[in-house]
Amino acid sequence: MISFKDAYKKVLDLYQDFGHEQVPLETAMGRVLAEDIVADRNFPPFNRATKDGIALNYDAVEIGNTSFKIEGVLAAGMPSQLLENTSNCLEIMTGAVVPGNADTVVMYEHLIIENGSATLTKTPNRGQDIHLNGSDQKKGDLVLEKHSTISAAEIGVLAAVGKASIKVRTLPKVAIVSTGNELVEVEEIPLPHQIRKSNIHTLYAALSEEGIVPTKLHLPDEKASIKNALQNTLKEHNAVLLSGGVSKGKFDFLPQVLEELGVEKIFHGVFQRPGKPFWFGIQRDTNTVVFSFPGNPVSTFANYNVYFKDWLRRSLGLPQPKIDVILKEAVEVKGDLTLLLRVKLSFNRGHLVASLVKENGSGDLCSLVNTDGFIVLEPKIDAYEIGELVPFVPTRDLL
């Protein structure tokens, strides 16, 4: 048995590098950049009109002109043009190139258009309503840093700089394995002594949120079957997540099987609740890490979010998020176990406030529906007080 802090450190110390790969822009959402992205041209690449109206040379306004003959119309996508006479104007649409000898755009709302002329109803300011060439970014400027997660905003930037193919960090090949003779398929009607599989579906969904499509495998509580299946699974995957079969029961064969398969045990058992029997190790020959979670649903869910997700983030070169929340109620943590407590969040004057979720132990799967994440409370003599800041591990989006 080791402390929670030691277990967490040992897990993160075994982060992996899965290399990188090229993916099409259309499939890059949610991936992690493996290259710096620079502007291939100025942003914007020309002086761009930001309003529908007219483009004019402000010198004409300064000498008292208020009415301007319209020479033509400029639409977005048309090549650059010039005013034939700088005392005249060109109608211009949003996004169009401002004429080289014009320096001001006046919106239609401040004009009267009649008889081929535009008359000002409000005096403009020189240079207004023009998005200047290179005012956002210059050619060669860094616009996205590697190790950034690609969201919709990054997709737009990547498209704008012509990146039809993106170098991203390769995601690990992950297998999720459930064990237990008591588990049946979701569509089956369980007998009184059986339950439907849930952990493997929870893990599958959680990994899908990370862009990982894992291999799913279910094993009976039979040592030979477990050993045979895991032998191949370890060879074919970067990480294996097991649920169940890791405690001290007579049919919990996983620790012995993993040892026989040459998986080095880093630790077995953590001073925490839930998830105390957590087993973690590595097969050095294949460089495969093994997360063997206890079978109770909340134990699996907590350990996945606390350990595996941060291991994955570190492996992909992402920073570890550190979130603190405010306790809404006092909590005592006696003994030697770190508590991972289910909480529901609310906002109070811009601060995240955590309320304990009513639950019935580590088997209470339904309590997770009301859970936004876990607060991590180390043992201490005095109670954690109302209003105290405590570490928080989210299990869903906070907004």
Protein backbone atom coordinates (compact mmCIF):
# COMPACT_ATOMS: atom_id res chain seq x y z
CA MET A 1 0.00 0.00 0.00
CA ILE A 2 1.24 3.46 -0.86
CA SER A 3 -0.10 6.96 -0.33
CA PHE A 4 -2.32 8.71 -2.84
CA LYS A 5 0.37 11.28 -3.63
CA ASP A 6 2.98 8.57 -4.25
CA ALA A 7 0.60 6.58 -6.44
CA TYR A 8 -0.27 9.65 -8.52
CA LYS A 9 3.41 10.53 -9.00
CA LYS A 10 4.36 6.97 -9.98
CA VAL A 11 1.58 6.88 -12.59
CA LEU A 12 2.62 10.18 -14.16
CA ASP A 13 6.30 9.21 -14.08
CA LEU A 14 5.48 6.39 -16.51
CA TYR A 15 4.09 8.67 -19.20
CA GLN A 16 4.68 7.56 -22.78
CA ASP A 17 5.50 9.22 -26.11
CA PHE A 18 3.39 7.74 -28.89
CA GLY A 19 4.99 9.83 -31.64
CA HIS A 20 3.07 11.88 -34.17
CA GLU A 21 1.04 11.45 -37.33
CA GLN A 22 -0.51 13.50 -40.11
CA VAL A 23 -4.30 13.80 -40.14
CA PRO A 24 -6.65 15.68 -42.48
CA LEU A 25 -7.99 19.00 -41.20
CA GLU A 26 -11.51 17.52 -41.15
CA THR A 27 -10.50 14.93 -38.54
CA ALA A 28 -8.19 17.12 -36.42
CA MET A 29 -10.84 18.28 -33.93
CA GLY A 30 -9.79 17.46 -30.36
CA ARG A 31 -6.29 16.32 -31.32
CA VAL A 32 -3.06 17.77 -29.91
CA LEU A 33 -0.78 19.73 -32.23
CA ALA A 34 2.70 18.30 -32.73
CA GLU A 35 4.01 21.30 -34.66
CA ASP A 36 4.10 25.06 -34.34
CA ILE A 37 1.85 26.81 -36.86
CA VAL A 38 3.00 30.06 -38.45
CA ALA A 39 1.13 32.51 -40.66
CA ASP A 40 1.86 31.89 -44.33
CA ARG A 41 0.72 35.44 -45.19
CA ASN A 42 -0.42 38.59 -43.42
CA PHE A 43 -3.71 38.49 -41.50
CA PRO A 44 -5.70 40.05 -43.05
CA PRO A 45 -3.76 39.87 -46.34
CA PHE A 46 -5.16 43.23 -47.56
CA ASN A 47 -6.92 46.32 -46.24
CA ARG A 48 -10.41 44.90 -45.73
CA ALA A 49 -13.70 46.74 -45.47
CA THR A 50 -15.60 45.91 -42.28
CA LYS A 51 -18.89 47.61 -43.29
CA ASP A 52 -21.11 47.84 -46.34
CA GLY A 53 -20.98 51.41 -47.67
CA ILE A 54 -18.51 53.53 -49.65
CA ALA A 55 -14.72 53.77 -49.78
CA LEU A 56 -13.27 57.27 -50.13
CA ASN A 57 -10.11 59.30 -49.74
CA TYR A 58 -10.38 61.29 -46.52
CA ASP A 59 -8.48 64.22 -48.01
CA ALA A 60 -11.64 65.04 -49.95
CA VAL A 61 -13.60 65.24 -46.69
CA GLU A 62 -11.01 67.56 -45.16
CA ILE A 63 -11.40 70.08 -47.97
CA GLY A 64 -15.15 70.14 -47.37
CA ASN A 65 -16.62 67.58 -49.78
CA THR A 66 -19.81 65.95 -48.48
CA SER A 67 -21.09 64.41 -51.71
CA PHE A 68 -19.15 61.86 -53.76
CA LYS A 69 -19.83 60.51 -57.24
CA ILE A 70 -20.00 56.69 -57.22
CA GLU A 71 -17.56 55.16 -59.71
CA GLY A 72 -18.63 51.53 -59.22
CA VAL A 73 -19.19 48.72 -56.75
CA LEU A 74 -16.58 46.50 -55.05
CA ALA A 75 -17.62 43.05 -53.81
CA ALA A 76 -15.66 40.64 -51.63
CA GLY A 77 -13.44 38.52 -53.83
CA MET A 78 -12.81 41.19 -56.48
CA PRO A 79 -9.20 42.18 -57.22
CA SER A 80 -7.87 45.47 -55.86
CA GLN A 81 -8.98 48.62 -57.69
CA LEU A 82 -8.20 52.35 -57.55
CA LEU A 83 -10.39 55.41 -57.49
CA GLU A 84 -10.15 57.13 -60.86
CA ASN A 85 -10.70 60.44 -59.06
CA THR A 86 -9.93 60.79 -55.38
CA SER A 87 -12.85 63.19 -55.03
CA ASN A 88 -15.18 60.31 -55.91
CA CYS A 89 -15.99 57.05 -54.12
CA LEU A 90 -16.63 53.37 -54.75
CA GLU A 91 -19.43 51.44 -53.13
CA ILE A 92 -17.84 48.61 -51.15
CA MET A 93 -19.14 45.49 -49.47
CA THR A 94 -17.90 43.92 -46.21
CA GLY A 95 -14.79 41.84 -46.85
CA ALA A 96 -13.84 43.59 -50.08
CA VAL A 97 -10.38 45.02 -50.77
CA VAL A 98 -10.22 48.73 -49.99
CA PRO A 99 -8.87 50.69 -53.01
CA GLY A 100 -5.22 51.60 -52.69
CA ASN A 101 -5.91 55.32 -52.90
CA ALA A 102 -8.84 55.20 -50.44
CA ASP A 103 -8.38 55.21 -46.69
CA THR A 104 -11.85 55.43 -45.14
CA VAL A 105 -15.09 53.43 -45.29
CA VAL A 106 -18.46 54.98 -44.48
CA MET A 107 -21.39 52.68 -43.76
CA TYR A 108 -24.68 53.02 -45.66
CA GLU A 109 -26.42 54.05 -42.43
CA HIS A 110 -24.47 57.35 -42.55
CA LEU A 111 -25.19 58.06 -46.24
CA ILE A 112 -27.89 59.12 -48.65
CA ILE A 113 -27.53 57.39 -52.01
CA GLU A 114 -29.31 59.06 -54.92
CA ASN A 115 -28.64 60.02 -58.55
CA GLY A 116 -25.34 58.13 -58.64
CA SER A 117 -23.84 59.99 -55.67
CA ALA A 118 -23.32 59.31 -51.96
CA THR A 119 -23.91 62.18 -49.54
CA LEU A 120 -22.58 62.09 -45.97
CA THR A 121 -25.08 62.47 -43.14
CA LYS A 122 -22.36 62.16 -40.51
CA THR A 123 -18.74 63.25 -40.71
CA PRO A 124 -16.46 60.14 -40.67
CA ASN A 125 -13.08 59.65 -39.04
CA ARG A 126 -10.04 58.99 -41.19
CA GLY A 127 -9.31 55.27 -41.44
CA GLN A 128 -12.59 54.07 -39.94
CA ASP A 129 -14.10 50.65 -40.67
CA ILE A 130 -10.98 49.22 -42.30
CA HIS A 131 -9.29 46.06 -41.04
CA LEU A 132 -5.67 46.87 -41.91
CA ASN A 133 -3.35 44.52 -43.76
CA GLY A 134 -1.27 42.51 -41.25
CA SER A 135 -2.89 44.10 -38.20
CA ASP A 136 -3.76 40.68 -36.72
CA GLN A 137 -0.65 38.69 -37.62
CA LYS A 138 2.32 39.18 -39.90
CA LYS A 139 3.63 36.52 -42.27
CA GLY A 140 5.88 34.18 -40.27
CA ASP A 141 4.27 34.98 -36.91
CA LEU A 142 3.53 32.04 -34.58
CA VAL A 143 -0.26 31.63 -34.54
CA LEU A 144 -0.62 28.24 -32.79
CA GLU A 145 1.84 26.51 -30.48
CA LYS A 146 2.45 22.79 -30.51
CA HIS A 147 0.94 20.88 -27.59
CA SER A 148 -2.26 22.91 -28.05
CA THR A 149 -5.57 21.06 -28.19
CA ILE A 150 -7.38 21.70 -31.45
CA SER A 151 -10.85 23.16 -30.94
CA ALA A 152 -13.20 24.81 -33.44
CA ALA A 153 -11.24 28.07 -33.08
CA GLU A 154 -7.95 26.37 -33.98
CA ILE A 155 -9.61 24.64 -36.93
CA GLY A 156 -10.46 28.05 -38.39
CA VAL A 157 -6.88 29.28 -37.99
CA LEU A 158 -5.45 26.09 -39.50
CA ALA A 159 -7.72 26.46 -42.50
CA ALA A 160 -6.77 30.13 -42.89
CA VAL A 161 -3.04 29.30 -43.08
CA GLY A 162 -3.60 26.50 -45.59
CA LYS A 163 -3.00 23.50 -43.33
CA ALA A 164 -5.08 20.82 -45.06
CA SER A 165 -3.00 18.20 -43.24
CA ILE A 166 -1.95 18.59 -39.61
CA LYS A 167 0.84 16.97 -37.60
CA VAL A 168 -0.69 15.81 -34.32
CA ARG A 169 0.37 13.69 -31.37
CA THR A 170 -0.55 10.06 -31.93
CA LEU A 171 -3.16 8.73 -29.52
CA PRO A 172 -2.40 5.52 -27.61
CA LYS A 173 -3.92 2.19 -28.55
CA VAL A 174 -6.03 1.33 -25.53
CA ALA A 175 -7.79 -1.89 -24.51
CA ILE A 176 -10.52 -1.92 -21.88
CA VAL A 177 -11.14 -5.23 -20.18
CA SER A 178 -13.94 -6.19 -17.82
CA THR A 179 -13.86 -9.39 -15.76
CA GLY A 180 -16.45 -11.29 -13.81
CA ASN A 181 -18.89 -14.18 -14.27
CA GLU A 182 -21.70 -12.07 -12.85
CA LEU A 183 -21.70 -9.66 -15.82
CA VAL A 184 -24.07 -10.01 -18.77
CA GLU A 185 -24.66 -7.93 -21.90
CA VAL A 186 -26.75 -4.78 -21.77
CA GLU A 187 -29.57 -6.24 -23.86
CA GLU A 188 -29.90 -9.34 -21.68
CA ILE A 189 -32.34 -9.83 -18.80
CA PRO A 190 -30.08 -10.57 -15.80
CA LEU A 191 -30.79 -13.47 -13.51
CA PRO A 192 -31.15 -12.59 -9.83
CA HIS A 193 -27.42 -13.20 -9.25
CA GLN A 194 -26.25 -11.25 -12.32
CA ILE A 195 -25.79 -7.60 -13.32
CA ARG A 196 -25.41 -5.92 -16.68
CA LYS A 197 -22.00 -4.67 -17.80
CA SER A 198 -21.61 -0.96 -17.11
CA ASN A 199 -17.95 -0.18 -16.35
CA ILE A 200 -16.74 -1.16 -19.79
CA HIS A 201 -19.33 1.11 -21.40
CA THR A 202 -18.44 3.96 -19.06
CA LEU A 203 -14.76 3.62 -19.94
CA TYR A 204 -15.54 3.33 -23.65
CA ALA A 205 -17.55 6.54 -23.54
CA ALA A 206 -14.91 8.35 -21.48
CA LEU A 207 -12.14 7.35 -23.89
CA SER A 208 -14.28 8.38 -26.84
CA GLU A 209 -14.33 11.89 -25.37
CA GLU A 210 -10.52 11.85 -25.71
CA GLY A 211 -10.74 10.77 -29.36
CA ILE A 212 -9.70 7.19 -28.51
CA VAL A 213 -11.67 4.23 -29.84
CA PRO A 214 -10.59 1.39 -27.53
CA THR A 215 -10.65 -2.36 -27.98
CA LYS A 216 -13.33 -3.92 -25.76
CA LEU A 217 -12.86 -7.30 -24.11
CA HIS A 218 -14.70 -9.23 -21.42
CA LEU A 219 -13.09 -12.14 -19.57
CA PRO A 220 -14.62 -14.75 -17.26
CA ASP A 221 -13.16 -15.41 -13.82
CA GLU A 222 -10.94 -18.18 -15.19
CA LYS A 223 -7.21 -17.83 -14.83
CA ALA A 224 -6.28 -19.61 -18.08
CA SER A 225 -8.71 -17.54 -20.16
CA ILE A 226 -7.52 -14.30 -18.58
CA LYS A 227 -3.86 -15.14 -19.15
CA ASN A 228 -4.35 -16.18 -22.76
CA ALA A 229 -6.34 -13.07 -23.67
CA LEU A 230 -4.08 -10.61 -21.85
CA GLN A 231 -0.92 -12.01 -23.40
CA ASN A 232 -2.02 -10.82 -26.84
CA THR A 233 -3.67 -7.67 -25.55
CA LEU A 234 -0.44 -6.48 -23.94
CA LYS A 235 1.42 -6.91 -27.23
CA GLU A 236 -1.10 -4.95 -29.27
CA HIS A 237 -1.80 -1.92 -27.06
CA ASN A 238 -0.01 0.98 -25.38
CA ALA A 239 -2.32 0.92 -22.36
CA VAL A 240 -4.67 -1.66 -20.87
CA LEU A 241 -7.47 -0.64 -18.52
CA LEU A 242 -8.94 -3.48 -16.50
CA SER A 243 -12.00 -3.35 -14.30
CA GLY A 244 -12.52 -5.94 -11.59
CA GLY A 245 -10.57 -8.99 -10.45
CA VAL A 246 -7.88 -7.05 -8.62
CA SER A 247 -8.89 -7.33 -4.97
CA LYS A 248 -8.18 -10.15 -2.50
CA GLY A 249 -10.98 -12.53 -3.45
CA LYS A 250 -10.40 -16.17 -4.45
CA PHE A 251 -11.38 -15.37 -8.05
CA ASP A 252 -9.35 -12.18 -8.35
CA PHE A 253 -6.68 -13.65 -10.61
CA LEU A 254 -5.38 -10.50 -12.26
CA PRO A 255 -2.41 -9.68 -9.99
CA GLN A 256 -1.05 -13.23 -10.33
CA VAL A 257 -1.70 -13.39 -14.08
CA LEU A 258 -0.07 -10.03 -14.72
CA GLU A 259 3.01 -11.15 -12.79
CA GLU A 260 3.20 -14.36 -14.85
CA LEU A 261 2.98 -12.29 -18.04
CA GLY A 262 6.00 -10.26 -17.00
CA VAL A 263 4.13 -7.10 -16.06
CA GLU A 264 6.15 -5.26 -13.43
CA LYS A 265 4.01 -4.22 -10.49
CA ILE A 266 4.61 -0.58 -9.62
CA PHE A 267 2.09 -0.67 -6.78
CA HIS A 268 -0.97 -2.59 -5.63
CA GLY A 269 -3.19 -0.77 -3.19
CA VAL A 270 -3.49 2.93 -2.47
CA PHE A 271 -4.50 4.60 0.79
CA GLN A 272 -7.60 6.12 -0.78
CA ARG A 273 -11.36 5.63 -0.92
CA PRO A 274 -12.87 4.69 -3.31
CA GLY A 275 -10.44 2.64 -5.39
CA LYS A 276 -8.17 1.31 -2.66
CA PRO A 277 -7.22 -1.99 -4.44
CA PHE A 278 -5.94 -0.11 -7.56
CA TRP A 279 -3.11 -2.06 -9.27
CA PHE A 280 -0.66 -0.33 -11.62
CA GLY A 281 2.26 -1.71 -13.59
CA ILE A 282 4.16 -1.86 -16.86
CA GLN A 283 5.21 -4.56 -19.30
CA ARG A 284 8.72 -3.37 -20.09
CA ASP A 285 9.15 -5.51 -23.22
CA THR A 286 6.16 -3.92 -24.95
CA ASN A 287 6.22 -0.67 -22.94
CA THR A 288 2.54 -1.23 -22.16
CA VAL A 289 1.14 0.37 -19.03
CA VAL A 290 -1.57 -1.46 -17.11
CA PHE A 291 -4.25 0.27 -15.04
CA SER A 292 -6.16 -2.38 -13.12
CA PHE A 293 -9.10 -0.74 -11.39
CA PRO A 294 -11.36 -2.24 -8.73
CA GLY A 295 -14.68 -3.41 -10.14
CA ASN A 296 -17.03 -1.18 -8.19
CA PRO A 297 -18.38 1.42 -10.65
CA VAL A 298 -17.39 4.51 -8.67
CA SER A 299 -13.91 3.10 -8.01
CA THR A 300 -13.32 2.54 -11.73
CA PHE A 301 -14.74 5.96 -12.61
CA ALA A 302 -12.72 7.81 -9.98
CA ASN A 303 -9.42 6.12 -10.80
CA TYR A 304 -9.91 6.67 -14.52
CA ASN A 305 -10.47 10.40 -14.04
CA VAL A 306 -7.83 10.94 -11.36
CA TYR A 307 -5.02 8.80 -12.73
CA PHE A 308 -5.51 7.76 -16.33
CA LYS A 309 -6.66 11.10 -17.72
CA ASP A 310 -3.69 12.96 -16.23
CA TRP A 311 -1.34 10.21 -17.44
CA LEU A 312 -2.80 10.64 -20.92
CA ARG A 313 -2.46 14.43 -20.81
CA ARG A 314 1.17 14.20 -19.77
CA SER A 315 1.84 11.60 -22.47
CA LEU A 316 0.39 13.97 -25.08
CA GLY A 317 2.43 16.92 -23.80
CA LEU A 318 -0.53 18.76 -22.31
CA PRO A 319 -0.35 20.70 -19.03
CA GLN A 320 -2.00 19.25 -15.93
CA PRO A 321 -5.04 21.32 -14.98
CA LYS A 322 -5.15 22.43 -11.35
CA ILE A 323 -8.63 23.38 -10.18
CA ASP A 324 -9.67 24.36 -6.68
CA VAL A 325 -13.26 24.66 -5.51
CA ILE A 326 -14.87 26.07 -2.38
CA LEU A 327 -16.42 23.69 0.12
CA LYS A 328 -20.07 24.32 0.88
CA GLU A 329 -19.97 22.12 3.97
CA ALA A 330 -17.40 20.96 6.51
CA VAL A 331 -15.79 17.53 5.99
CA GLU A 332 -13.76 15.44 8.43
CA VAL A 333 -11.08 13.13 7.04
CA LYS A 334 -9.72 10.91 9.79
CA GLY A 335 -7.48 7.87 9.54
CA ASP A 336 -4.98 7.30 6.74
CA LEU A 337 -7.14 7.29 3.60
CA THR A 338 -7.33 10.11 1.05
CA LEU A 339 -10.98 10.61 0.16
CA LEU A 340 -12.19 11.13 -3.40
CA LEU A 341 -15.62 12.58 -2.71
CA ARG A 342 -18.35 13.06 -5.28
CA VAL A 343 -19.51 16.67 -5.55
CA LYS A 344 -21.97 18.80 -7.45
CA LEU A 345 -20.81 22.28 -8.44
CA SER A 346 -22.60 25.60 -8.42
CA PHE A 347 -21.49 29.16 -9.11
CA ASN A 348 -21.55 31.79 -6.39
CA ARG A 349 -20.37 35.25 -7.46
CA GLY A 350 -18.05 33.72 -10.03
CA HIS A 351 -16.62 31.06 -7.69
CA LEU A 352 -17.06 27.31 -8.00
CA VAL A 353 -18.74 25.88 -4.90
CA ALA A 354 -18.79 22.12 -4.21
CA SER A 355 -21.64 20.33 -2.46
CA LEU A 356 -21.31 16.69 -1.47
CA VAL A 357 -23.44 14.29 -3.51
CA LYS A 358 -25.70 11.95 -1.58
CA GLU A 359 -24.34 8.47 -2.28
CA ASN A 360 -24.37 4.92 -1.06
CA GLY A 361 -20.78 3.73 -1.40
CA SER A 362 -18.53 2.79 -4.32
CA GLY A 363 -21.18 0.59 -5.90
CA ASP A 364 -23.63 3.46 -6.28
CA LEU A 365 -23.40 3.97 -10.04
CA CYS A 366 -26.46 6.24 -10.20
CA SER A 367 -24.80 8.81 -7.93
CA LEU A 368 -22.38 9.62 -10.75
CA VAL A 369 -25.21 11.17 -12.74
CA ASN A 370 -25.38 13.97 -10.16
CA THR A 371 -21.58 14.24 -9.91
CA ASP A 372 -19.53 16.97 -11.61
CA GLY A 373 -16.27 15.61 -10.25
CA PHE A 374 -14.31 14.55 -7.18
CA ILE A 375 -12.71 16.64 -4.47
CA VAL A 376 -9.45 15.18 -3.18
CA LEU A 377 -9.12 15.43 0.59
CA GLU A 378 -5.98 14.24 2.36
CA PRO A 379 -6.29 13.07 5.99
CA LYS A 380 -5.74 15.81 8.57
CA ILE A 381 -6.45 16.42 12.24
CA ASP A 382 -8.84 19.34 11.82
CA ALA A 383 -11.93 19.24 9.65
CA TYR A 384 -12.00 20.87 6.24
CA GLU A 385 -14.09 23.97 6.88
CA ILE A 386 -16.88 25.65 4.97
CA GLY A 387 -15.36 28.05 2.46
CA GLU A 388 -12.01 26.21 2.30
CA LEU A 389 -10.37 25.73 -1.09
CA VAL A 390 -9.77 22.08 -1.98
CA PRO A 391 -8.43 20.27 -5.10
CA PHE A 392 -11.04 19.22 -7.64
CA VAL A 393 -10.97 16.67 -10.49
CA PRO A 394 -13.73 17.31 -13.06
CA THR A 395 -15.59 14.42 -14.67
CA ARG A 396 -17.67 16.53 -17.02
CA ASP A 397 -17.55 20.00 -18.62
CA LEU A 398 -17.93 22.65 -15.96
CA LEU A 399 -20.28 24.88 -18.00
